[in-house]
N, C-alpha and C. Protein backbone atom coordinates (compact mmCIF):
# COMPACT_ATOMS: atom_id res chain seq x y z
N MET A 1 192.81 144.86 5.55
CA MET A 1 191.84 143.81 5.80
C MET A 1 190.47 144.17 5.21
N HIS A 2 190.07 145.44 5.40
CA HIS A 2 188.79 145.90 4.86
C HIS A 2 188.77 145.80 3.35
N LEU A 3 189.88 146.16 2.70
CA LEU A 3 189.98 146.09 1.25
C LEU A 3 189.84 144.65 0.77
N LEU A 4 190.37 143.69 1.52
CA LEU A 4 190.26 142.28 1.17
C LEU A 4 188.80 141.82 1.21
N LYS A 5 188.06 142.24 2.22
CA LYS A 5 186.64 141.87 2.33
C LYS A 5 185.84 142.45 1.16
N VAL A 6 186.11 143.68 0.81
CA VAL A 6 185.42 144.32 -0.30
C VAL A 6 185.74 143.58 -1.60
N ALA A 7 186.98 143.19 -1.80
CA ALA A 7 187.38 142.48 -3.01
C ALA A 7 186.68 141.12 -3.10
N VAL A 8 186.62 140.40 -1.99
CA VAL A 8 185.96 139.08 -1.98
C VAL A 8 184.47 139.23 -2.26
N ALA A 9 183.81 140.19 -1.61
CA ALA A 9 182.38 140.41 -1.83
C ALA A 9 182.11 140.79 -3.28
N SER A 10 182.95 141.64 -3.85
CA SER A 10 182.78 142.02 -5.26
C SER A 10 182.95 140.83 -6.17
N GLY A 11 183.91 139.98 -5.87
CA GLY A 11 184.12 138.77 -6.67
C GLY A 11 182.93 137.84 -6.63
N VAL A 12 182.33 137.67 -5.46
CA VAL A 12 181.15 136.82 -5.33
C VAL A 12 180.00 137.38 -6.15
N ILE A 13 179.78 138.68 -6.08
CA ILE A 13 178.70 139.31 -6.84
C ILE A 13 178.93 139.13 -8.33
N ILE A 14 180.13 139.33 -8.79
CA ILE A 14 180.43 139.14 -10.21
C ILE A 14 180.23 137.69 -10.62
N TRP A 15 180.65 136.75 -9.80
CA TRP A 15 180.47 135.32 -10.09
C TRP A 15 178.99 134.98 -10.21
N ILE A 16 178.18 135.49 -9.30
CA ILE A 16 176.74 135.24 -9.35
C ILE A 16 176.15 135.83 -10.62
N THR A 17 176.54 137.02 -10.97
CA THR A 17 176.03 137.66 -12.18
C THR A 17 176.41 136.88 -13.43
N ILE A 18 177.65 136.44 -13.53
CA ILE A 18 178.13 135.73 -14.72
C ILE A 18 177.49 134.35 -14.83
N PHE A 19 177.45 133.60 -13.75
CA PHE A 19 176.99 132.22 -13.80
C PHE A 19 175.51 132.05 -13.50
N GLY A 20 174.78 133.13 -13.21
CA GLY A 20 173.33 133.06 -13.06
C GLY A 20 172.86 132.36 -11.81
N MET A 21 173.66 132.31 -10.77
CA MET A 21 173.22 131.63 -9.55
C MET A 21 172.03 132.33 -8.90
N GLY A 22 171.83 133.60 -9.19
CA GLY A 22 170.76 134.36 -8.56
C GLY A 22 169.40 133.70 -8.75
N GLU A 23 169.14 133.10 -9.91
CA GLU A 23 167.86 132.47 -10.17
C GLU A 23 167.67 131.21 -9.35
N ASN A 24 168.76 130.52 -9.03
CA ASN A 24 168.67 129.26 -8.30
C ASN A 24 169.12 129.38 -6.85
N ALA A 25 169.34 130.59 -6.40
CA ALA A 25 169.86 130.77 -5.04
C ALA A 25 168.94 130.19 -3.99
N GLN A 26 167.62 130.33 -4.18
CA GLN A 26 166.70 129.79 -3.18
C GLN A 26 166.84 128.27 -3.09
N ALA A 27 166.93 127.59 -4.23
CA ALA A 27 167.05 126.14 -4.22
C ALA A 27 168.37 125.70 -3.59
N ILE A 28 169.44 126.46 -3.81
CA ILE A 28 170.74 126.09 -3.26
C ILE A 28 170.82 126.41 -1.78
N LEU A 29 170.25 127.52 -1.37
CA LEU A 29 170.40 127.98 0.00
C LEU A 29 169.30 127.48 0.94
N THR A 30 168.21 126.90 0.42
CA THR A 30 167.12 126.40 1.24
C THR A 30 167.38 124.94 1.58
N PRO A 31 167.19 124.53 2.83
CA PRO A 31 167.38 123.12 3.17
C PRO A 31 166.49 122.23 2.32
N ALA A 32 166.99 121.07 1.97
CA ALA A 32 166.28 120.15 1.07
C ALA A 32 164.93 119.76 1.63
N ASN A 33 164.80 119.51 2.94
CA ASN A 33 163.52 119.07 3.48
C ASN A 33 162.46 120.16 3.36
N GLU A 34 162.84 121.44 3.34
CA GLU A 34 161.87 122.51 3.17
C GLU A 34 161.33 122.52 1.75
N LEU A 35 162.19 122.28 0.75
CA LEU A 35 161.73 122.24 -0.63
C LEU A 35 160.76 121.09 -0.84
N ILE A 36 161.03 119.95 -0.26
CA ILE A 36 160.14 118.80 -0.40
C ILE A 36 158.78 119.12 0.19
N ALA A 37 158.74 119.75 1.35
CA ALA A 37 157.48 120.09 1.98
C ALA A 37 156.69 121.06 1.12
N GLN A 38 157.36 122.03 0.49
CA GLN A 38 156.67 122.98 -0.36
C GLN A 38 156.09 122.32 -1.60
N GLN A 39 156.78 121.35 -2.14
CA GLN A 39 156.33 120.73 -3.37
C GLN A 39 155.19 119.75 -3.16
N GLN A 40 154.86 119.42 -1.92
CA GLN A 40 153.80 118.47 -1.66
C GLN A 40 152.49 119.16 -1.29
N SER A 41 152.27 120.37 -1.78
CA SER A 41 151.05 121.12 -1.51
C SER A 41 149.87 120.44 -2.19
N PRO A 42 148.68 120.50 -1.57
CA PRO A 42 147.50 119.88 -2.18
C PRO A 42 147.00 120.61 -3.41
N ALA A 43 147.40 121.84 -3.62
CA ALA A 43 146.95 122.58 -4.80
C ALA A 43 147.73 122.13 -6.02
N SER A 44 147.03 121.77 -7.08
CA SER A 44 147.69 121.19 -8.25
C SER A 44 148.54 122.20 -9.02
N THR A 45 148.35 123.48 -8.82
CA THR A 45 149.12 124.48 -9.56
C THR A 45 150.23 125.08 -8.71
N TYR A 46 150.59 124.46 -7.63
CA TYR A 46 151.57 125.01 -6.70
C TYR A 46 152.93 125.16 -7.34
N GLN A 47 153.54 126.30 -7.14
CA GLN A 47 154.92 126.57 -7.53
C GLN A 47 155.64 127.06 -6.28
N PRO A 48 156.86 126.64 -6.02
CA PRO A 48 157.56 127.10 -4.82
C PRO A 48 157.60 128.62 -4.75
N GLY A 49 157.34 129.18 -3.59
CA GLY A 49 157.36 130.62 -3.41
C GLY A 49 156.17 131.09 -2.60
N PHE A 50 156.06 132.39 -2.46
CA PHE A 50 155.00 132.98 -1.66
C PHE A 50 153.69 133.09 -2.42
N TRP A 51 152.61 133.24 -1.71
CA TRP A 51 151.27 133.50 -2.21
C TRP A 51 150.77 132.42 -3.16
N GLN A 52 150.92 131.20 -2.75
CA GLN A 52 150.42 130.08 -3.52
C GLN A 52 149.12 129.58 -2.88
N PRO A 53 148.19 129.06 -3.67
CA PRO A 53 146.97 128.52 -3.08
C PRO A 53 147.29 127.28 -2.24
N VAL A 54 146.56 127.11 -1.14
CA VAL A 54 146.76 125.94 -0.28
C VAL A 54 145.79 124.83 -0.65
N ALA A 55 144.76 125.15 -1.41
CA ALA A 55 143.77 124.16 -1.87
C ALA A 55 142.97 124.80 -3.00
N ARG A 56 142.09 124.00 -3.61
CA ARG A 56 141.25 124.50 -4.69
C ARG A 56 139.85 123.91 -4.60
N VAL A 57 138.89 124.66 -5.12
CA VAL A 57 137.52 124.20 -5.26
C VAL A 57 137.08 124.46 -6.70
N ASN A 58 135.95 123.92 -7.10
CA ASN A 58 135.39 124.17 -8.42
C ASN A 58 134.62 125.49 -8.35
N PRO A 59 135.08 126.54 -9.03
CA PRO A 59 134.42 127.84 -8.93
C PRO A 59 133.04 127.88 -9.62
N GLN A 60 132.71 126.83 -10.37
CA GLN A 60 131.41 126.79 -11.05
C GLN A 60 130.30 126.26 -10.14
N GLU A 61 130.68 125.72 -8.98
CA GLU A 61 129.70 125.17 -8.04
C GLU A 61 129.69 125.99 -6.76
N SER A 62 128.64 125.83 -5.95
CA SER A 62 128.57 126.56 -4.68
C SER A 62 129.64 126.04 -3.72
N VAL A 63 130.12 126.93 -2.87
CA VAL A 63 131.18 126.60 -1.93
C VAL A 63 130.66 126.77 -0.50
N ASN A 64 130.90 125.75 0.33
CA ASN A 64 130.58 125.81 1.75
C ASN A 64 131.89 125.72 2.53
N VAL A 65 131.93 126.38 3.68
CA VAL A 65 133.13 126.38 4.52
C VAL A 65 132.74 125.91 5.90
N ASN A 66 133.48 124.92 6.41
CA ASN A 66 133.30 124.40 7.76
C ASN A 66 134.48 124.90 8.60
N ILE A 67 134.21 125.66 9.66
CA ILE A 67 135.26 126.17 10.54
C ILE A 67 135.24 125.36 11.82
N VAL A 68 136.37 124.72 12.13
CA VAL A 68 136.50 123.90 13.35
C VAL A 68 137.52 124.59 14.25
N ASN A 69 137.10 124.92 15.46
CA ASN A 69 137.98 125.65 16.39
C ASN A 69 138.69 124.68 17.32
N GLN A 70 139.98 124.47 17.09
CA GLN A 70 140.83 123.66 17.96
C GLN A 70 141.99 124.52 18.48
N SER A 71 141.71 125.80 18.67
CA SER A 71 142.75 126.75 19.05
C SER A 71 143.00 126.82 20.56
N GLY A 72 142.09 126.29 21.35
CA GLY A 72 142.22 126.39 22.81
C GLY A 72 141.56 127.64 23.38
N ILE A 73 141.03 128.52 22.52
CA ILE A 73 140.37 129.74 22.95
C ILE A 73 139.14 129.98 22.08
N ALA A 74 138.25 130.86 22.52
CA ALA A 74 137.10 131.25 21.69
C ALA A 74 137.61 132.13 20.54
N ILE A 75 137.02 131.94 19.38
CA ILE A 75 137.39 132.75 18.21
C ILE A 75 136.15 133.47 17.70
N GLU A 76 136.38 134.50 16.91
CA GLU A 76 135.29 135.18 16.22
C GLU A 76 135.61 135.21 14.74
N TYR A 77 134.56 135.21 13.93
CA TYR A 77 134.76 135.21 12.48
C TYR A 77 133.71 136.07 11.82
N SER A 78 134.02 136.50 10.62
CA SER A 78 133.10 137.32 9.84
C SER A 78 133.53 137.26 8.38
N LEU A 79 132.66 137.75 7.52
CA LEU A 79 132.98 137.88 6.10
C LEU A 79 133.18 139.36 5.79
N THR A 80 134.21 139.68 5.05
CA THR A 80 134.40 141.07 4.65
C THR A 80 133.61 141.35 3.39
N THR A 81 133.09 140.30 2.75
CA THR A 81 132.43 140.45 1.46
C THR A 81 130.93 140.19 1.54
N GLY A 82 130.35 140.25 2.72
CA GLY A 82 128.93 140.00 2.84
C GLY A 82 128.34 140.68 4.06
N PRO A 83 127.03 140.67 4.17
CA PRO A 83 126.35 141.37 5.25
C PRO A 83 126.25 140.54 6.55
N MET A 84 127.28 139.81 6.89
CA MET A 84 127.24 138.97 8.08
C MET A 84 127.89 139.68 9.26
N GLU A 85 127.22 139.64 10.41
CA GLU A 85 127.82 140.20 11.62
C GLU A 85 128.87 139.25 12.17
N THR A 86 129.74 139.78 13.03
CA THR A 86 130.77 138.95 13.65
C THR A 86 130.09 137.90 14.53
N ARG A 87 130.57 136.66 14.42
CA ARG A 87 130.01 135.54 15.20
C ARG A 87 131.14 134.86 15.96
N THR A 88 130.78 134.09 16.98
CA THR A 88 131.75 133.45 17.86
C THR A 88 131.64 131.93 17.76
N VAL A 89 132.80 131.26 17.89
CA VAL A 89 132.85 129.80 17.99
C VAL A 89 133.70 129.47 19.21
N ALA A 90 133.12 128.72 20.15
CA ALA A 90 133.85 128.32 21.35
C ALA A 90 134.93 127.31 20.99
N ASN A 91 135.92 127.17 21.86
CA ASN A 91 136.94 126.15 21.65
C ASN A 91 136.27 124.78 21.57
N GLY A 92 136.64 124.00 20.59
CA GLY A 92 136.05 122.68 20.39
C GLY A 92 134.78 122.72 19.55
N GLY A 93 134.29 123.91 19.23
CA GLY A 93 133.07 124.04 18.44
C GLY A 93 133.36 124.14 16.96
N GLU A 94 132.29 124.14 16.19
CA GLU A 94 132.42 124.31 14.75
C GLU A 94 131.18 124.97 14.19
N THR A 95 131.33 125.53 13.01
CA THR A 95 130.22 126.20 12.34
C THR A 95 130.40 126.05 10.84
N GLN A 96 129.32 126.27 10.09
CA GLN A 96 129.42 126.14 8.64
C GLN A 96 128.83 127.37 7.97
N LEU A 97 129.51 127.85 6.94
CA LEU A 97 129.06 128.95 6.10
C LEU A 97 128.66 128.34 4.75
N ALA A 98 127.44 128.60 4.30
CA ALA A 98 126.95 127.97 3.08
C ALA A 98 126.85 128.96 1.93
N ASN A 99 127.06 128.44 0.73
CA ASN A 99 126.89 129.19 -0.52
C ASN A 99 127.62 130.53 -0.52
N LEU A 100 128.90 130.48 -0.26
CA LEU A 100 129.69 131.71 -0.22
C LEU A 100 129.91 132.28 -1.62
N ALA A 101 130.07 133.57 -1.68
CA ALA A 101 130.34 134.24 -2.95
C ALA A 101 131.69 133.78 -3.49
N LYS A 102 131.87 133.92 -4.79
CA LYS A 102 133.10 133.44 -5.43
C LYS A 102 134.35 134.17 -4.98
N ASP A 103 134.23 135.36 -4.48
CA ASP A 103 135.39 136.12 -4.00
C ASP A 103 135.13 136.50 -2.55
N SER A 104 135.30 135.54 -1.64
CA SER A 104 134.99 135.76 -0.23
C SER A 104 136.24 135.78 0.62
N TYR A 105 136.24 136.67 1.59
CA TYR A 105 137.31 136.76 2.58
C TYR A 105 136.70 136.44 3.94
N ILE A 106 137.17 135.37 4.58
CA ILE A 106 136.71 135.02 5.92
C ILE A 106 137.80 135.45 6.89
N VAL A 107 137.44 136.33 7.81
CA VAL A 107 138.39 136.83 8.80
C VAL A 107 138.13 136.09 10.10
N ILE A 108 139.18 135.49 10.67
CA ILE A 108 139.07 134.70 11.91
C ILE A 108 140.12 135.22 12.88
N ASN A 109 139.68 135.60 14.08
CA ASN A 109 140.58 136.16 15.10
C ASN A 109 140.23 135.62 16.48
N PRO A 110 141.17 135.69 17.41
CA PRO A 110 140.84 135.36 18.81
C PRO A 110 139.77 136.33 19.30
N GLN A 111 138.84 135.85 20.11
CA GLN A 111 137.75 136.72 20.56
C GLN A 111 138.23 137.78 21.54
N SER A 112 139.07 137.40 22.50
CA SER A 112 139.42 138.39 23.52
C SER A 112 140.87 138.32 23.97
N THR A 113 141.73 137.67 23.21
CA THR A 113 143.14 137.59 23.59
C THR A 113 144.00 138.02 22.43
N SER A 114 145.27 138.10 22.67
CA SER A 114 146.20 138.45 21.60
C SER A 114 146.94 137.21 21.11
N SER A 115 146.36 136.05 21.27
CA SER A 115 146.98 134.81 20.81
C SER A 115 147.06 134.79 19.29
N SER A 116 148.03 134.07 18.77
CA SER A 116 148.18 133.91 17.32
C SER A 116 147.50 132.61 16.88
N LEU A 117 146.95 132.64 15.68
CA LEU A 117 146.26 131.48 15.13
C LEU A 117 146.91 131.05 13.82
N LYS A 118 146.70 129.79 13.46
CA LYS A 118 147.07 129.30 12.13
C LYS A 118 145.94 128.42 11.65
N PHE A 119 145.86 128.26 10.33
CA PHE A 119 144.76 127.51 9.72
C PHE A 119 145.29 126.31 8.96
N GLN A 120 144.59 125.21 9.12
CA GLN A 120 144.84 124.01 8.33
C GLN A 120 143.65 123.92 7.38
N VAL A 121 143.89 124.02 6.08
CA VAL A 121 142.81 124.08 5.09
C VAL A 121 142.85 122.84 4.21
N THR A 122 141.71 122.16 4.15
CA THR A 122 141.55 121.01 3.26
C THR A 122 140.23 121.15 2.53
N THR A 123 140.08 120.43 1.43
CA THR A 123 138.83 120.46 0.69
C THR A 123 138.34 119.05 0.43
N ASP A 124 137.03 118.91 0.38
CA ASP A 124 136.38 117.66 0.00
C ASP A 124 135.26 118.07 -0.94
N ASN A 125 135.49 117.88 -2.25
CA ASN A 125 134.63 118.44 -3.29
C ASN A 125 134.61 119.95 -3.09
N ASN A 126 133.48 120.57 -2.87
CA ASN A 126 133.43 122.01 -2.67
C ASN A 126 133.14 122.39 -1.22
N LEU A 127 133.46 121.49 -0.31
CA LEU A 127 133.41 121.79 1.13
C LEU A 127 134.83 122.10 1.58
N VAL A 128 135.03 123.32 2.06
CA VAL A 128 136.34 123.75 2.54
C VAL A 128 136.36 123.60 4.05
N ASN A 129 137.29 122.81 4.57
CA ASN A 129 137.43 122.61 6.01
C ASN A 129 138.59 123.47 6.51
N VAL A 130 138.28 124.39 7.42
CA VAL A 130 139.29 125.26 8.01
C VAL A 130 139.39 124.89 9.48
N THR A 131 140.50 124.26 9.87
CA THR A 131 140.74 123.93 11.26
C THR A 131 141.62 125.03 11.84
N VAL A 132 141.13 125.67 12.89
CA VAL A 132 141.83 126.78 13.53
C VAL A 132 142.65 126.22 14.69
N LEU A 133 143.95 126.48 14.65
CA LEU A 133 144.89 125.95 15.64
C LEU A 133 145.69 127.09 16.27
N PRO A 134 146.27 126.85 17.45
CA PRO A 134 147.16 127.87 18.02
C PRO A 134 148.44 127.94 17.19
N SER A 135 149.06 129.11 17.15
CA SER A 135 150.29 129.29 16.40
C SER A 135 151.38 129.84 17.30
N SER A 136 152.59 129.35 17.10
CA SER A 136 153.73 129.90 17.84
C SER A 136 154.35 131.08 17.09
N ASP A 137 153.91 131.29 15.84
CA ASP A 137 154.38 132.42 15.04
C ASP A 137 153.65 133.68 15.50
N PHE A 138 154.41 134.69 15.85
CA PHE A 138 153.84 135.93 16.37
C PHE A 138 152.81 136.54 15.43
N SER A 139 153.09 136.53 14.12
CA SER A 139 152.18 137.17 13.17
C SER A 139 150.91 136.34 12.94
N GLY A 140 151.01 135.02 12.97
CA GLY A 140 149.84 134.15 12.81
C GLY A 140 149.14 134.36 11.48
N GLU A 141 147.93 133.82 11.40
CA GLU A 141 147.09 133.95 10.21
C GLU A 141 145.73 134.47 10.65
N SER A 142 145.05 135.20 9.77
CA SER A 142 143.76 135.76 10.15
C SER A 142 142.73 135.73 9.03
N THR A 143 143.12 135.32 7.82
CA THR A 143 142.20 135.41 6.69
C THR A 143 142.28 134.17 5.81
N VAL A 144 141.11 133.69 5.38
CA VAL A 144 141.01 132.66 4.35
C VAL A 144 140.30 133.32 3.18
N HIS A 145 140.95 133.30 2.01
CA HIS A 145 140.40 133.95 0.82
C HIS A 145 139.98 132.90 -0.19
N LEU A 146 138.71 132.90 -0.54
CA LEU A 146 138.20 132.04 -1.61
C LEU A 146 138.21 132.88 -2.89
N HIS A 147 139.17 132.63 -3.74
CA HIS A 147 139.38 133.42 -4.95
C HIS A 147 138.39 132.99 -6.03
N PRO A 148 137.99 133.89 -6.92
CA PRO A 148 137.03 133.54 -7.98
C PRO A 148 137.49 132.40 -8.89
N THR A 149 138.80 132.14 -8.97
CA THR A 149 139.31 131.06 -9.81
C THR A 149 139.18 129.70 -9.14
N GLY A 150 138.78 129.68 -7.85
CA GLY A 150 138.71 128.43 -7.10
C GLY A 150 139.90 128.22 -6.20
N ALA A 151 140.92 129.04 -6.32
CA ALA A 151 142.10 128.94 -5.46
C ALA A 151 141.73 129.41 -4.05
N ILE A 152 142.33 128.77 -3.06
CA ILE A 152 142.11 129.16 -1.66
C ILE A 152 143.45 129.58 -1.07
N TYR A 153 143.47 130.77 -0.53
CA TYR A 153 144.68 131.32 0.07
C TYR A 153 144.45 131.54 1.56
N LYS A 154 145.52 131.51 2.33
CA LYS A 154 145.42 131.87 3.75
C LYS A 154 146.55 132.83 4.07
N TYR A 155 146.24 133.85 4.87
CA TYR A 155 147.24 134.80 5.29
C TYR A 155 146.75 135.52 6.53
């Protein structure tokens, strides 16, 4: 019985190698509704896969970021790329960061709990709106990166 399983597994690997299914395995094995959701990203250069920008701004103009806290808890935020001290935003509150550097990392965390957060990022011209929400994903999100090319990433 063990030999039969090994033979079948070897056959599948050879078939994949010969017919090139490896390149399209994600498209075949991923549910169709997930692919549709990935392809509808607001970033015009989006390609299915990891580490894609969630939005874009014009890197030739100044960038402002509006942080809206809808997480249900107080949050704290700071910049890793500037001389800003850690600041707090109460639940339901908001704050704005003006004229950010072209390569800025905004770190956002719960102020005093171990809750997970997620970010909803949208842009309106060069105003980046970051809505902070509770997350059911254990790892959550903690950083919004404004890349020098104008791409905006969250992780």
